């Protein structure tokens, strides 16, 4: 059985994610972020929740 692979692509206006089993796509999601949500973070480090 092939390994499960979770791919996460955080972008400037959305975060995309996909779940693969080997090279087969099982699930794909796109989470858009509004300008207000991005501004609320204040900075790149604020977006991580670690600041």
PDB file of N, CA and C in Angstrom:
ATOM      1  N   UNK A   1       0.839  -1.172   0.000  1.00  0.00           N
ATOM      2  CA  UNK A   1       0.000   0.000   0.000  1.00  0.00           C
ATOM      3  C   UNK A   1       0.888   1.240   0.000  1.00  0.00           C
ATOM      4  N   UNK A   2       0.503   2.259  -0.775  1.00  0.00           N
ATOM      5  CA  UNK A   2       1.273   3.500  -0.874  1.00  0.00           C
ATOM      6  C   UNK A   2       1.086   4.371   0.357  1.00  0.00           C
ATOM      7  N   UNK A   3       2.061   5.200   0.606  1.00  0.00           N
ATOM      8  CA  UNK A   3       2.005   6.124   1.741  1.00  0.00           C
ATOM      9  C   UNK A   3       0.984   7.223   1.496  1.00  0.00           C
ATOM     10  N   UNK A   4       0.407   7.738   2.586  1.00  0.00           N
ATOM     11  CA  UNK A   4      -0.450   8.911   2.512  1.00  0.00           C
ATOM     12  C   UNK A   4       0.428  10.153   2.543  1.00  0.00           C
ATOM     13  N   UNK A   5       0.124  11.109   1.688  1.00  0.00           N
ATOM     14  CA  UNK A   5       0.893  12.341   1.599  1.00  0.00           C
ATOM     15  C   UNK A   5      -0.070  13.506   1.740  1.00  0.00           C
ATOM     16  N   UNK A   6       0.191  14.400   2.702  1.00  0.00           N
ATOM     17  CA  UNK A   6      -0.587  15.617   2.875  1.00  0.00           C
ATOM     18  C   UNK A   6       0.250  16.777   2.369  1.00  0.00           C
ATOM     19  N   UNK A   7      -0.258  17.486   1.380  1.00  0.00           N
ATOM     20  CA  UNK A   7       0.439  18.643   0.827  1.00  0.00           C
ATOM     21  C   UNK A   7      -0.339  19.900   1.201  1.00  0.00           C
ATOM     22  N   UNK A   8       0.348  20.899   1.771  1.00  0.00           N
ATOM     23  CA  UNK A   8      -0.270  22.160   2.153  1.00  0.00           C
ATOM     24  C   UNK A   8       0.491  23.281   1.471  1.00  0.00           C
ATOM     25  N   UNK A   9      -0.255  24.165   0.795  1.00  0.00           N
ATOM     26  CA  UNK A   9       0.361  25.269   0.062  1.00  0.00           C
ATOM     27  C   UNK A   9      -0.245  26.584   0.555  1.00  0.00           C
ATOM     28  N   UNK A  10       0.389  27.236   1.556  1.00  0.00           N
ATOM     29  CA  UNK A  10      -0.120  28.521   2.018  1.00  0.00           C
ATOM     30  C   UNK A  10       0.294  29.617   1.045  1.00  0.00           C
ATOM     31  N   UNK A  11      -0.681  30.310   0.510  1.00  0.00           N
ATOM     32  CA  UNK A  11      -0.408  31.392  -0.430  1.00  0.00           C
ATOM     33  C   UNK A  11      -0.773  32.737   0.166  1.00  0.00           C
ATOM     34  N   UNK A  12      -0.673  33.772  -0.643  1.00  0.00           N
ATOM     35  CA  UNK A  12      -0.942  35.119  -0.139  1.00  0.00           C
ATOM     36  C   UNK A  12      -2.431  35.404  -0.010  1.00  0.00           C
ATOM     37  N   UNK A  13      -3.287  34.728  -0.759  1.00  0.00           N
ATOM     38  CA  UNK A  13      -4.726  34.975  -0.689  1.00  0.00           C
ATOM     39  C   UNK A  13      -5.544  33.732  -0.370  1.00  0.00           C
ATOM     40  N   UNK A  14      -4.902  32.566  -0.328  1.00  0.00           N
ATOM     41  CA  UNK A  14      -5.618  31.334  -0.003  1.00  0.00           C
ATOM     42  C   UNK A  14      -4.627  30.271   0.453  1.00  0.00           C
ATOM     43  N   UNK A  15      -5.162  29.248   1.086  1.00  0.00           N
ATOM     44  CA  UNK A  15      -4.371  28.083   1.455  1.00  0.00           C
ATOM     45  C   UNK A  15      -4.991  26.882   0.766  1.00  0.00           C
ATOM     46  N   UNK A  16      -4.179  26.139   0.068  1.00  0.00           N
ATOM     47  CA  UNK A  16      -4.653  24.952  -0.636  1.00  0.00           C
ATOM     48  C   UNK A  16      -4.073  23.712   0.028  1.00  0.00           C
ATOM     49  N   UNK A  17      -4.838  22.654   0.022  1.00  0.00           N
ATOM     50  CA  UNK A  17      -4.376  21.408   0.603  1.00  0.00           C
ATOM     51  C   UNK A  17      -4.834  20.233  -0.236  1.00  0.00           C
ATOM     52  N   UNK A  18      -4.086  19.163  -0.201  1.00  0.00           N
ATOM     53  CA  UNK A  18      -4.443  17.958  -0.945  1.00  0.00           C
ATOM     54  C   UNK A  18      -3.928  16.737  -0.193  1.00  0.00           C
ATOM     55  N   UNK A  19      -4.696  15.660  -0.304  1.00  0.00           N
ATOM     56  CA  UNK A  19      -4.319  14.389   0.290  1.00  0.00           C
ATOM     57  C   UNK A  19      -4.145  13.383  -0.845  1.00  0.00           C
ATOM     58  N   UNK A  20      -2.992  12.750  -0.855  1.00  0.00           N
ATOM     59  CA  UNK A  20      -2.664  11.769  -1.889  1.00  0.00           C
ATOM     60  C   UNK A  20      -2.388  10.416  -1.261  1.00  0.00           C
ATOM     61  N   UNK A  21      -2.680   9.369  -1.968  1.00  0.00           N
ATOM     62  CA  UNK A  21      -2.182   8.032  -1.647  1.00  0.00           C
ATOM     63  C   UNK A  21      -1.286   7.681  -2.829  1.00  0.00           C
ATOM     64  N   UNK A  22       0.019   7.738  -2.585  1.00  0.00           N
ATOM     65  CA  UNK A  22       0.966   7.600  -3.692  1.00  0.00           C
ATOM     66  C   UNK A  22       0.776   8.772  -4.634  1.00  0.00           C
ATOM     67  N   UNK A  23       0.506   8.504  -5.914  1.00  0.00           N
ATOM     68  CA  UNK A  23       0.269   9.595  -6.864  1.00  0.00           C
ATOM     69  C   UNK A  23      -1.220   9.809  -7.160  1.00  0.00           C
ATOM     70  N   UNK A  24      -2.097   9.164  -6.405  1.00  0.00           N
ATOM     71  CA  UNK A  24      -3.544   9.308  -6.602  1.00  0.00           C
ATOM     72  C   UNK A  24      -4.097  10.383  -5.671  1.00  0.00           C
ATOM     73  N   UNK A  25      -4.751  11.399  -6.239  1.00  0.00           N
ATOM     74  CA  UNK A  25      -5.378  12.464  -5.463  1.00  0.00           C
ATOM     75  C   UNK A  25      -6.645  11.928  -4.805  1.00  0.00           C
ATOM     76  N   UNK A  26      -6.716  12.038  -3.469  1.00  0.00           N
ATOM     77  CA  UNK A  26      -7.894  11.578  -2.737  1.00  0.00           C
ATOM     78  C   UNK A  26      -8.844  12.720  -2.406  1.00  0.00           C
ATOM     79  N   UNK A  27      -8.291  13.870  -2.019  1.00  0.00           N
ATOM     80  CA  UNK A  27      -9.101  15.017  -1.611  1.00  0.00           C
ATOM     81  C   UNK A  27      -8.302  16.282  -1.819  1.00  0.00           C
ATOM     82  N   UNK A  28      -8.995  17.337  -2.253  1.00  0.00           N
ATOM     83  CA  UNK A  28      -8.345  18.620  -2.489  1.00  0.00           C
ATOM     84  C   UNK A  28      -9.241  19.716  -1.912  1.00  0.00           C
ATOM     85  N   UNK A  29      -8.643  20.705  -1.242  1.00  0.00           N
ATOM     86  CA  UNK A  29      -9.414  21.812  -0.687  1.00  0.00           C
ATOM     87  C   UNK A  29      -8.730  23.131  -1.003  1.00  0.00           C
ATOM     88  N   UNK A  30      -9.531  24.197  -1.022  1.00  0.00           N
ATOM     89  CA  UNK A  30      -9.028  25.551  -1.212  1.00  0.00           C
ATOM     90  C   UNK A  30      -9.733  26.429  -0.187  1.00  0.00           C
ATOM     91  N   UNK A  31      -8.970  27.105   0.660  1.00  0.00           N
ATOM     92  CA  UNK A  31      -9.519  27.985   1.690  1.00  0.00           C
ATOM     93  C   UNK A  31      -9.092  29.412   1.386  1.00  0.00           C
ATOM     94  N   UNK A  32      -9.955  30.206   0.748  1.00  0.00           N
ATOM     95  CA  UNK A  32      -9.595  31.596   0.468  1.00  0.00           C
ATOM     96  C   UNK A  32      -9.571  32.429   1.740  1.00  0.00           C
ATOM     97  N   UNK A  33      -8.730  33.459   1.761  1.00  0.00           N
ATOM     98  CA  UNK A  33      -8.603  34.356   2.905  1.00  0.00           C
ATOM     99  C   UNK A  33      -8.961  35.764   2.444  1.00  0.00           C
ATOM    100  N   UNK A  34      -9.865  36.412   3.165  1.00  0.00           N
ATOM    101  CA  UNK A  34     -10.244  37.779   2.815  1.00  0.00           C
ATOM    102  C   UNK A  34      -9.138  38.745   3.215  1.00  0.00           C
ATOM    103  N   UNK A  35      -9.174  39.945   2.623  1.00  0.00           N
ATOM    104  CA  UNK A  35      -8.196  40.971   2.991  1.00  0.00           C
ATOM    105  C   UNK A  35      -8.284  41.295   4.480  1.00  0.00           C
ATOM    106  N   UNK A  36      -9.491  41.322   5.023  1.00  0.00           N
ATOM    107  CA  UNK A  36      -9.664  41.626   6.446  1.00  0.00           C
ATOM    108  C   UNK A  36      -9.012  40.564   7.326  1.00  0.00           C
ATOM    109  N   UNK A  37      -9.131  39.298   6.957  1.00  0.00           N
ATOM    110  CA  UNK A  37      -8.496  38.216   7.728  1.00  0.00           C
ATOM    111  C   UNK A  37      -6.976  38.349   7.703  1.00  0.00           C
ATOM    112  N   UNK A  38      -6.441  38.678   6.552  1.00  0.00           N
ATOM    113  CA  UNK A  38      -4.987  38.807   6.410  1.00  0.00           C
ATOM    114  C   UNK A  38      -4.484  40.019   7.189  1.00  0.00           C
ATOM    115  N   UNK A  39      -5.198  41.153   7.085  1.00  0.00           N
ATOM    116  CA  UNK A  39      -4.799  42.365   7.833  1.00  0.00           C
ATOM    117  C   UNK A  39      -4.868  42.133   9.345  1.00  0.00           C
ATOM    118  N   UNK A  40      -5.813  41.326   9.804  1.00  0.00           N
ATOM    119  CA  UNK A  40      -5.964  41.066  11.235  1.00  0.00           C
ATOM    120  C   UNK A  40      -4.737  40.379  11.829  1.00  0.00           C
ATOM    121  N   UNK A  41      -3.965  39.701  11.004  1.00  0.00           N
ATOM    122  CA  UNK A  41      -2.754  39.015  11.484  1.00  0.00           C
ATOM    123  C   UNK A  41      -1.628  39.993  11.766  1.00  0.00           C
ATOM    124  N   UNK A  42      -1.643  41.138  11.092  1.00  0.00           N
ATOM    125  CA  UNK A  42      -0.643  42.171  11.332  1.00  0.00           C
ATOM    126  C   UNK A  42       0.672  41.961  10.623  1.00  0.00           C
ATOM    127  N   UNK A  43       1.196  40.755  10.638  1.00  0.00           N
ATOM    128  CA  UNK A  43       2.493  40.475  10.015  1.00  0.00           C
ATOM    129  C   UNK A  43       2.557  39.003   9.640  1.00  0.00           C
ATOM    130  N   UNK A  44       3.574  38.651   8.907  1.00  0.00           N
ATOM    131  CA  UNK A  44       3.748  37.232   8.535  1.00  0.00           C
ATOM    132  C   UNK A  44       3.863  36.364   9.779  1.00  0.00           C
ATOM    133  N   UNK A  45       4.625  36.818  10.783  1.00  0.00           N
ATOM    134  CA  UNK A  45       4.759  36.025  11.990  1.00  0.00           C
ATOM    135  C   UNK A  45       3.432  35.936  12.752  1.00  0.00           C
ATOM    136  N   UNK A  46       2.577  36.955  12.606  1.00  0.00           N
ATOM    137  CA  UNK A  46       1.276  36.912  13.236  1.00  0.00           C
ATOM    138  C   UNK A  46       0.365  35.860  12.630  1.00  0.00           C
ATOM    139  N   UNK A  47       0.606  35.506  11.391  1.00  0.00           N
ATOM    140  CA  UNK A  47      -0.193  34.492  10.723  1.00  0.00           C
ATOM    141  C   UNK A  47       0.124  33.090  11.223  1.00  0.00           C
ATOM    142  N   UNK A  48       1.276  32.892  11.815  1.00  0.00           N
ATOM    143  CA  UNK A  48       1.664  31.570  12.273  1.00  0.00           C
ATOM    144  C   UNK A  48       1.053  31.232  13.629  1.00  0.00           C
ATOM    145  N   UNK A  49       0.640  32.249  14.363  1.00  0.00           N
ATOM    146  CA  UNK A  49       0.123  32.004  15.701  1.00  0.00           C
ATOM    147  C   UNK A  49       1.224  31.807  16.725  1.00  0.00           C
ATOM    148  N   UNK A  50       2.473  31.990  16.320  1.00  0.00           N
ATOM    149  CA  UNK A  50       3.618  31.771  17.213  1.00  0.00           C
ATOM    150  C   UNK A  50       4.155  33.070  17.809  1.00  0.00           C
ATOM    151  N   UNK A  51       3.625  34.197  17.361  1.00  0.00           N
ATOM    152  CA  UNK A  51       4.182  35.468  17.840  1.00  0.00           C
ATOM    153  C   UNK A  51       3.615  35.894  19.170  1.00  0.00           C
TER     154      UNK A  51
END
